[in-house]
Amino acid sequence: MADALGLPTPKDAPWDFWALRNVNLSLKRGERVGLIGRNGAGKSTLLKLIAGLIRPSNGSLRVSGRVTALMEMGTGFHPDLTGAQNLRASLAYLGVTGRAADKKADEITEFAELGDFIHHPFRIYSAGMQARLTFAVATSVDPDILIVDEILGVGDAYFSIKAAARMKDLTRNGATLLLVSHDRASVQMMCSRAAWIDRGRVAAERDTLTLCKSYMSAIRLREDARLKVAETGTSL
C-alpha cells in the first residue's frame, strides 16, 4: 500500500511555506487509518500526494495498487447529466463496460437509494445526494486504497452507517482505508490506528482512542491559552 512517505526538511527560506515536513507514514494492506488535525494542518495535502493529484517537492512516495480518492463531491461528474448518465460515464472511465457495466450500474443505483432522482440532472442534487452517488460509484470497483476526506460528513446518519459498513467490507477484502474526519466518533468507529497531523508534521501516531483523547486534550490546552491571552493581553 502506501509503504512510505518521507519529506526531508528543506533549507529554510522566510518566504517558503511547507504544507508537509518530515512526514513518514506507512500503511499496511487491509488497515484502516484515520488522520486527525485542525484545518490547514496538512491532512488534505497528504491525501492528494497519495492519490497522485500532486507531487512532493522533496522526499519520496511509494504507493502500490489502485487508489480511489473521495475528496470533493461530484468530482468527474457533469452537472447537466443525470445521475444514471454520470455513473455510466464513471464506470467507462474505470474500464467497466458491457454487461459488467449493466450489473454495476444496477448495484450503484440500489446502494445510492436516490429513487427517481437517479434520472434527474446531477446539478439539482442536494449535497447529501451527491455524496451518496459519489461514494456508491467510487466503491463499486474494489480499490486497493480508499481515501475519504470529509465527504460523508454531509450525508444523513442512515447513509453514514451504510457507507461505514461498505468501507469495512472493502478492508476485510484487503483494501486499505485512509479516512480524514473532524468527527472523532467516526474515526474511532472506522479506524484502528490514527495519525495526528499538526502544522505539516506527524505530531503523534497510535491507536485511535488514545490518540483522539490526546488530541482533544491538546486542543483544550490551546484554547485555554488563547482565552488567557485575550483576557490579559499577554503573548503565549
C-alpha atoms as a PDB file:
ATOM      1  CA  MET A   1       0.000   0.000   0.000  1.00  0.00           C
ATOM      2  CA  ALA A   2       1.360   3.450   0.817  1.00  0.00           C
ATOM      3  CA  ASP A   3       4.549   1.898   2.125  1.00  0.00           C
ATOM      4  CA  ALA A   4       6.488   5.053   2.844  1.00  0.00           C
ATOM      5  CA  LEU A   5       6.178   8.763   2.584  1.00  0.00           C
ATOM      6  CA  GLY A   6       9.116  10.930   3.546  1.00  0.00           C
ATOM      7  CA  LEU A   7       9.599  14.638   3.098  1.00  0.00           C
ATOM      8  CA  PRO A   8      13.045  15.657   4.420  1.00  0.00           C
ATOM      9  CA  THR A   9      13.413  19.091   5.934  1.00  0.00           C
ATOM     10  CA  PRO A  10      14.378  21.573   3.191  1.00  0.00           C
ATOM     11  CA  LYS A  11      16.575  24.617   3.654  1.00  0.00           C
ATOM     12  CA  ASP A  12      14.599  27.299   5.382  1.00  0.00           C
ATOM     13  CA  ALA A  13      13.580  30.401   3.477  1.00  0.00           C
ATOM     14  CA  PRO A  14      11.438  33.135   5.045  1.00  0.00           C
ATOM     15  CA  TRP A  15       9.075  33.244   2.074  1.00  0.00           C
ATOM     16  CA  ASP A  16       8.572  29.477   1.833  1.00  0.00           C
ATOM     17  CA  PHE A  17       5.519  27.669   3.137  1.00  0.00           C
ATOM     18  CA  TRP A  18       5.778  23.922   3.611  1.00  0.00           C
ATOM     19  CA  ALA A  19       2.457  22.090   3.818  1.00  0.00           C
ATOM     20  CA  LEU A  20       4.237  18.932   4.999  1.00  0.00           C
ATOM     21  CA  ARG A  21       7.661  18.463   6.566  1.00  0.00           C
ATOM     22  CA  ASN A  22       9.457  15.384   7.933  1.00  0.00           C
ATOM     23  CA  VAL A  23       6.430  13.158   7.364  1.00  0.00           C
ATOM     24  CA  ASN A  24       6.983   9.396   7.452  1.00  0.00           C
ATOM     25  CA  LEU A  25       3.901   7.212   7.258  1.00  0.00           C
ATOM     26  CA  SER A  26       3.391   3.531   6.387  1.00  0.00           C
ATOM     27  CA  LEU A  27       0.075   1.815   5.711  1.00  0.00           C
ATOM     28  CA  LYS A  28      -0.470  -1.937   5.566  1.00  0.00           C
ATOM     29  CA  ARG A  29      -2.856  -3.887   3.380  1.00  0.00           C
ATOM     30  CA  GLY A  30      -6.338  -4.020   4.899  1.00  0.00           C
ATOM     31  CA  GLU A  31      -5.552  -1.384   7.522  1.00  0.00           C
ATOM     32  CA  ARG A  32      -7.971   1.402   8.478  1.00  0.00           C
ATOM     33  CA  VAL A  33      -6.104   4.568   9.403  1.00  0.00           C
ATOM     34  CA  GLY A  34      -7.575   7.909  10.423  1.00  0.00           C
ATOM     35  CA  LEU A  35      -5.983  11.320  10.004  1.00  0.00           C
ATOM     36  CA  ILE A  36      -6.948  13.978  12.525  1.00  0.00           C
ATOM     37  CA  GLY A  37      -5.870  17.568  12.963  1.00  0.00           C
ATOM     38  CA  ARG A  38      -7.044  21.142  12.662  1.00  0.00           C
ATOM     39  CA  ASN A  39      -7.931  22.828   9.378  1.00  0.00           C
ATOM     40  CA  GLY A  40      -4.797  23.714   7.447  1.00  0.00           C
ATOM     41  CA  ALA A  41      -2.668  21.127   9.254  1.00  0.00           C
ATOM     42  CA  GLY A  42      -1.729  19.353   6.017  1.00  0.00           C
ATOM     43  CA  LYS A  43      -4.131  16.392   6.012  1.00  0.00           C
ATOM     44  CA  SER A  44      -5.656  17.056   2.598  1.00  0.00           C
ATOM     45  CA  THR A  45      -2.236  17.751   1.096  1.00  0.00           C
ATOM     46  CA  LEU A  46      -1.067  14.353   2.314  1.00  0.00           C
ATOM     47  CA  LEU A  47      -4.105  12.679   0.768  1.00  0.00           C
ATOM     48  CA  LYS A  48      -3.533  14.459  -2.544  1.00  0.00           C
ATOM     49  CA  LEU A  49       0.049  13.192  -2.581  1.00  0.00           C
ATOM     50  CA  ILE A  50      -1.039   9.602  -2.013  1.00  0.00           C
ATOM     51  CA  ALA A  51      -3.813   9.936  -4.605  1.00  0.00           C
ATOM     52  CA  GLY A  52      -1.306  11.206  -7.158  1.00  0.00           C
ATOM     53  CA  LEU A  53      -3.039  14.550  -7.590  1.00  0.00           C
ATOM     54  CA  ILE A  54       0.144  16.432  -6.683  1.00  0.00           C
ATOM     55  CA  ARG A  55       3.810  15.511  -6.413  1.00  0.00           C
ATOM     56  CA  PRO A  56       6.134  16.023  -3.452  1.00  0.00           C
ATOM     57  CA  SER A  57       8.602  18.876  -3.929  1.00  0.00           C
ATOM     58  CA  ASN A  58      11.085  16.867  -1.890  1.00  0.00           C
ATOM     59  CA  GLY A  59      11.331  13.357  -0.482  1.00  0.00           C
ATOM     60  CA  SER A  60       9.867  10.120  -1.831  1.00  0.00           C
ATOM     61  CA  LEU A  61       6.491   8.438  -2.075  1.00  0.00           C
ATOM     62  CA  ARG A  62       5.632   4.836  -2.960  1.00  0.00           C
ATOM     63  CA  VAL A  63       2.057   3.685  -3.500  1.00  0.00           C
ATOM     64  CA  SER A  64       1.066   0.215  -4.724  1.00  0.00           C
ATOM     65  CA  GLY A  65      -2.336  -0.550  -6.234  1.00  0.00           C
ATOM     66  CA  ARG A  66      -5.431   1.244  -7.454  1.00  0.00           C
ATOM     67  CA  VAL A  67      -6.233   4.384  -5.471  1.00  0.00           C
ATOM     68  CA  THR A  68      -9.772   5.717  -5.222  1.00  0.00           C
ATOM     69  CA  ALA A  69      -9.982   9.179  -3.668  1.00  0.00           C
ATOM     70  CA  LEU A  70     -13.198  10.744  -2.374  1.00  0.00           C
ATOM     71  CA  MET A  71     -12.050  14.271  -1.667  1.00  0.00           C
ATOM     72  CA  GLU A  72     -14.653  16.514  -3.285  1.00  0.00           C
ATOM     73  CA  MET A  73     -18.269  15.758  -4.017  1.00  0.00           C
ATOM     74  CA  GLY A  74     -19.099  15.272  -7.657  1.00  0.00           C
ATOM     75  CA  THR A  75     -15.534  15.229  -8.940  1.00  0.00           C
ATOM     76  CA  GLY A  76     -15.694  13.936 -12.508  1.00  0.00           C
ATOM     77  CA  PHE A  77     -19.488  14.250 -12.649  1.00  0.00           C
ATOM     78  CA  HIS A  78     -21.062  16.551 -15.236  1.00  0.00           C
ATOM     79  CA  PRO A  79     -23.716  18.780 -13.641  1.00  0.00           C
ATOM     80  CA  ASP A  80     -26.066  18.616 -16.628  1.00  0.00           C
ATOM     81  CA  LEU A  81     -26.004  14.832 -16.983  1.00  0.00           C
ATOM     82  CA  THR A  82     -28.364  12.683 -14.961  1.00  0.00           C
ATOM     83  CA  GLY A  83     -27.112  10.549 -12.116  1.00  0.00           C
ATOM     84  CA  ALA A  84     -27.562   7.460 -14.296  1.00  0.00           C
ATOM     85  CA  GLN A  85     -25.580   9.003 -17.147  1.00  0.00           C
ATOM     86  CA  ASN A  86     -22.820  10.128 -14.807  1.00  0.00           C
ATOM     87  CA  LEU A  87     -22.415   6.735 -13.180  1.00  0.00           C
ATOM     88  CA  ARG A  88     -22.237   5.104 -16.624  1.00  0.00           C
ATOM     89  CA  ALA A  89     -19.559   7.562 -17.706  1.00  0.00           C
ATOM     90  CA  SER A  90     -17.630   6.919 -14.493  1.00  0.00           C
ATOM     91  CA  LEU A  91     -17.780   3.161 -14.994  1.00  0.00           C
ATOM     92  CA  ALA A  92     -16.496   3.543 -18.551  1.00  0.00           C
ATOM     93  CA  TYR A  93     -13.609   5.643 -17.235  1.00  0.00           C
ATOM     94  CA  LEU A  94     -12.839   2.875 -14.740  1.00  0.00           C
ATOM     95  CA  GLY A  95     -12.793   0.352 -17.582  1.00  0.00           C
ATOM     96  CA  VAL A  96     -16.120  -1.314 -16.786  1.00  0.00           C
ATOM     97  CA  THR A  97     -18.211  -1.817 -19.933  1.00  0.00           C
ATOM     98  CA  GLY A  98     -20.830  -4.115 -21.448  1.00  0.00           C
ATOM     99  CA  ARG A  99     -22.787  -6.486 -19.229  1.00  0.00           C
ATOM    100  CA  ALA A 100     -20.427  -5.869 -16.332  1.00  0.00           C
ATOM    101  CA  ALA A 101     -21.324  -2.172 -16.514  1.00  0.00           C
ATOM    102  CA  ASP A 102     -25.038  -3.016 -16.579  1.00  0.00           C
ATOM    103  CA  LYS A 103     -24.652  -5.071 -13.410  1.00  0.00           C
ATOM    104  CA  LYS A 104     -22.539  -2.441 -11.669  1.00  0.00           C
ATOM    105  CA  ALA A 105     -24.977   0.316 -12.635  1.00  0.00           C
ATOM    106  CA  ASP A 106     -27.821  -1.606 -11.005  1.00  0.00           C
ATOM    107  CA  GLU A 107     -25.733  -2.168  -7.868  1.00  0.00           C
ATOM    108  CA  ILE A 108     -24.780   1.518  -7.656  1.00  0.00           C
ATOM    109  CA  THR A 109     -28.365   2.663  -8.146  1.00  0.00           C
ATOM    110  CA  GLU A 110     -29.585   0.309  -5.437  1.00  0.00           C
ATOM    111  CA  PHE A 111     -26.861   1.322  -2.982  1.00  0.00           C
ATOM    112  CA  ALA A 112     -27.271   5.088  -3.501  1.00  0.00           C
ATOM    113  CA  GLU A 113     -31.047   4.880  -2.954  1.00  0.00           C
ATOM    114  CA  LEU A 114     -31.816   8.039  -4.921  1.00  0.00           C
ATOM    115  CA  GLY A 115     -35.106   6.773  -6.325  1.00  0.00           C
ATOM    116  CA  ASP A 116     -36.324   8.632  -9.409  1.00  0.00           C
ATOM    117  CA  PHE A 117     -33.683  11.316  -8.835  1.00  0.00           C
ATOM    118  CA  ILE A 118     -31.170   8.999 -10.498  1.00  0.00           C
ATOM    119  CA  HIS A 119     -32.775  10.132 -13.772  1.00  0.00           C
ATOM    120  CA  HIS A 120     -32.519  13.848 -12.969  1.00  0.00           C
ATOM    121  CA  PRO A 121     -29.558  16.207 -13.588  1.00  0.00           C
ATOM    122  CA  PHE A 122     -26.762  15.961 -11.050  1.00  0.00           C
ATOM    123  CA  ARG A 123     -26.823  19.747 -10.516  1.00  0.00           C
ATOM    124  CA  ILE A 124     -30.187  19.590  -8.731  1.00  0.00           C
ATOM    125  CA  TYR A 125     -28.941  17.076  -6.169  1.00  0.00           C
ATOM    126  CA  SER A 126     -28.503  18.133  -2.569  1.00  0.00           C
ATOM    127  CA  ALA A 127     -25.050  17.775  -1.007  1.00  0.00           C
ATOM    128  CA  GLY A 128     -26.167  14.566   0.678  1.00  0.00           C
ATOM    129  CA  MET A 129     -27.471  13.100  -2.577  1.00  0.00           C
ATOM    130  CA  GLN A 130     -24.230  13.981  -4.341  1.00  0.00           C
ATOM    131  CA  ALA A 131     -22.285  12.268  -1.569  1.00  0.00           C
ATOM    132  CA  ARG A 132     -24.413   9.140  -1.898  1.00  0.00           C
ATOM    133  CA  LEU A 133     -23.835   8.777  -5.625  1.00  0.00           C
ATOM    134  CA  THR A 134     -20.170   9.758  -5.490  1.00  0.00           C
ATOM    135  CA  PHE A 135     -19.475   7.204  -2.761  1.00  0.00           C
ATOM    136  CA  ALA A 136     -21.515   4.455  -4.420  1.00  0.00           C
ATOM    137  CA  VAL A 137     -19.666   4.858  -7.729  1.00  0.00           C
ATOM    138  CA  ALA A 138     -16.205   5.132  -6.169  1.00  0.00           C
ATOM    139  CA  THR A 139     -16.600   1.979  -4.091  1.00  0.00           C
ATOM    140  CA  SER A 140     -18.308  -0.092  -6.788  1.00  0.00           C
ATOM    141  CA  VAL A 141     -14.976  -1.142  -8.306  1.00  0.00           C
ATOM    142  CA  ASP A 142     -12.892  -2.531  -5.450  1.00  0.00           C
ATOM    143  CA  PRO A 143      -9.962  -0.170  -4.802  1.00  0.00           C
ATOM    144  CA  ASP A 144      -6.673  -1.205  -3.232  1.00  0.00           C
ATOM    145  CA  ILE A 145      -6.538   2.097  -1.354  1.00  0.00           C
ATOM    146  CA  LEU A 146      -9.642   4.115  -0.479  1.00  0.00           C
ATOM    147  CA  ILE A 147      -9.142   7.739   0.547  1.00  0.00           C
ATOM    148  CA  VAL A 148     -12.090   9.539   2.131  1.00  0.00           C
ATOM    149  CA  ASP A 149     -11.771  13.219   3.054  1.00  0.00           C
ATOM    150  CA  GLU A 150     -14.807  14.524   4.988  1.00  0.00           C
ATOM    151  CA  ILE A 151     -17.168  13.798   2.092  1.00  0.00           C
ATOM    152  CA  LEU A 152     -19.536  11.689   4.185  1.00  0.00           C
ATOM    153  CA  GLY A 153     -19.989  14.466   6.722  1.00  0.00           C
ATOM    154  CA  VAL A 154     -22.785  15.951   4.619  1.00  0.00           C
ATOM    155  CA  GLY A 155     -24.805  12.745   4.489  1.00  0.00           C
ATOM    156  CA  ASP A 156     -27.556  11.626   6.837  1.00  0.00           C
ATOM    157  CA  ALA A 157     -26.943   9.210   9.699  1.00  0.00           C
ATOM    158  CA  TYR A 158     -28.545   6.303   7.854  1.00  0.00           C
ATOM    159  CA  PHE A 159     -26.259   6.562   4.840  1.00  0.00           C
ATOM    160  CA  SER A 160     -23.205   7.217   7.005  1.00  0.00           C
ATOM    161  CA  ILE A 161     -23.773   3.876   8.755  1.00  0.00           C
ATOM    162  CA  LYS A 162     -24.329   2.189   5.409  1.00  0.00           C
ATOM    163  CA  ALA A 163     -21.147   3.716   3.979  1.00  0.00           C
ATOM    164  CA  ALA A 164     -19.169   2.667   7.066  1.00  0.00           C
ATOM    165  CA  ALA A 165     -20.296  -0.925   6.572  1.00  0.00           C
ATOM    166  CA  ARG A 166     -19.239  -0.786   2.910  1.00  0.00           C
ATOM    167  CA  MET A 167     -15.794   0.553   3.844  1.00  0.00           C
ATOM    168  CA  LYS A 168     -15.309  -2.173   6.450  1.00  0.00           C
ATOM    169  CA  ASP A 169     -16.254  -4.802   3.866  1.00  0.00           C
ATOM    170  CA  LEU A 170     -13.651  -3.395   1.485  1.00  0.00           C
ATOM    171  CA  THR A 171     -10.922  -3.528   4.126  1.00  0.00           C
ATOM    172  CA  ARG A 172     -11.864  -7.097   5.051  1.00  0.00           C
ATOM    173  CA  ASN A 173     -11.224  -7.926   1.402  1.00  0.00           C
ATOM    174  CA  GLY A 174      -7.773  -6.348   1.582  1.00  0.00           C
ATOM    175  CA  ALA A 175      -8.334  -2.676   0.762  1.00  0.00           C
ATOM    176  CA  THR A 176      -6.583  -0.010   2.809  1.00  0.00           C
ATOM    177  CA  LEU A 177      -8.668   2.891   4.148  1.00  0.00           C
ATOM    178  CA  LEU A 178      -7.307   6.355   4.862  1.00  0.00           C
ATOM    179  CA  LEU A 179     -10.001   8.498   6.468  1.00  0.00           C
ATOM    180  CA  VAL A 180      -9.969  12.201   7.308  1.00  0.00           C
ATOM    181  CA  SER A 181     -12.753  13.481   9.530  1.00  0.00           C
ATOM    182  CA  HIS A 182     -13.312  16.080  12.236  1.00  0.00           C
ATOM    183  CA  ASP A 183     -15.906  13.715  13.694  1.00  0.00           C
ATOM    184  CA  ARG A 184     -13.942  11.808  16.334  1.00  0.00           C
ATOM    185  CA  ALA A 185     -16.741   9.260  16.722  1.00  0.00           C
ATOM    186  CA  SER A 186     -16.474   8.338  13.036  1.00  0.00           C
ATOM    187  CA  VAL A 187     -12.706   7.980  13.224  1.00  0.00           C
ATOM    188  CA  GLN A 188     -12.935   5.833  16.358  1.00  0.00           C
ATOM    189  CA  MET A 189     -15.652   3.659  14.826  1.00  0.00           C
ATOM    190  CA  MET A 190     -13.883   3.162  11.499  1.00  0.00           C
ATOM    191  CA  CYS A 191     -10.159   3.167  12.274  1.00  0.00           C
ATOM    192  CA  SER A 192      -7.924   1.067  14.492  1.00  0.00           C
ATOM    193  CA  ARG A 193      -4.973   3.452  14.140  1.00  0.00           C
ATOM    194  CA  ALA A 194      -4.698   7.186  13.637  1.00  0.00           C
ATOM    195  CA  ALA A 195      -2.106   9.843  12.917  1.00  0.00           C
ATOM    196  CA  TRP A 196      -2.337  13.397  14.223  1.00  0.00           C
ATOM    197  CA  ILE A 197      -1.158  15.919  11.645  1.00  0.00           C
ATOM    198  CA  ASP A 198      -0.207  19.276  13.135  1.00  0.00           C
ATOM    199  CA  ARG A 199       1.406  22.147  11.217  1.00  0.00           C
ATOM    200  CA  GLY A 200       2.578  19.833   8.464  1.00  0.00           C
ATOM    201  CA  ARG A 201       4.130  17.210  10.719  1.00  0.00           C
ATOM    202  CA  VAL A 202       3.025  13.941  12.298  1.00  0.00           C
ATOM    203  CA  ALA A 203       2.615  15.014  15.923  1.00  0.00           C
ATOM    204  CA  ALA A 204       1.676  11.520  17.101  1.00  0.00           C
ATOM    205  CA  GLU A 205       0.611   8.134  15.786  1.00  0.00           C
ATOM    206  CA  ARG A 206      -1.038   5.397  17.870  1.00  0.00           C
ATOM    207  CA  ASP A 207      -4.321   3.568  18.482  1.00  0.00           C
ATOM    208  CA  THR A 208      -7.335   5.685  17.614  1.00  0.00           C
ATOM    209  CA  LEU A 209      -8.937   6.021  21.047  1.00  0.00           C
ATOM    210  CA  THR A 210      -5.717   7.044  22.795  1.00  0.00           C
ATOM    211  CA  LEU A 211      -4.764   9.491  20.067  1.00  0.00           C
ATOM    212  CA  CYS A 212      -8.179  11.157  19.949  1.00  0.00           C
ATOM    213  CA  LYS A 213      -8.021  11.718  23.721  1.00  0.00           C
ATOM    214  CA  SER A 214      -4.537  13.240  23.430  1.00  0.00           C
ATOM    215  CA  TYR A 215      -5.647  15.418  20.535  1.00  0.00           C
ATOM    216  CA  MET A 216      -8.664  16.793  22.382  1.00  0.00           C
ATOM    217  CA  SER A 217      -6.557  17.486  25.480  1.00  0.00           C
ATOM    218  CA  ALA A 218      -4.122  19.473  23.349  1.00  0.00           C
ATOM    219  CA  ILE A 219      -6.971  21.398  21.718  1.00  0.00           C
ATOM    220  CA  ARG A 220      -8.383  22.318  25.126  1.00  0.00           C
ATOM    221  CA  LEU A 221      -4.974  23.493  26.334  1.00  0.00           C
ATOM    222  CA  ARG A 222      -4.539  25.671  23.236  1.00  0.00           C
ATOM    223  CA  GLU A 223      -7.991  27.144  23.676  1.00  0.00           C
ATOM    224  CA  ASP A 224      -7.340  27.879  27.363  1.00  0.00           C
ATOM    225  CA  ALA A 225      -4.083  29.603  26.405  1.00  0.00           C
ATOM    226  CA  ARG A 226      -5.849  31.628  23.710  1.00  0.00           C
ATOM    227  CA  LEU A 227      -8.515  32.780  26.153  1.00  0.00           C
ATOM    228  CA  LYS A 228      -5.842  33.742  28.674  1.00  0.00           C
ATOM    229  CA  VAL A 229      -4.107  35.887  26.061  1.00  0.00           C
ATOM    230  CA  ALA A 230      -7.418  37.511  25.145  1.00  0.00           C
ATOM    231  CA  GLU A 231      -8.170  38.301  28.778  1.00  0.00           C
ATOM    232  CA  THR A 232      -4.739  39.546  29.858  1.00  0.00           C
ATOM    233  CA  GLY A 233      -3.309  40.874  26.620  1.00  0.00           C
ATOM    234  CA  THR A 234      -0.110  38.886  27.161  1.00  0.00           C
ATOM    235  CA  SER A 235       1.521  36.757  24.487  1.00  0.00           C
ATOM    236  CA  LEU A 236       1.833  32.971  24.528  1.00  0.00           C
END
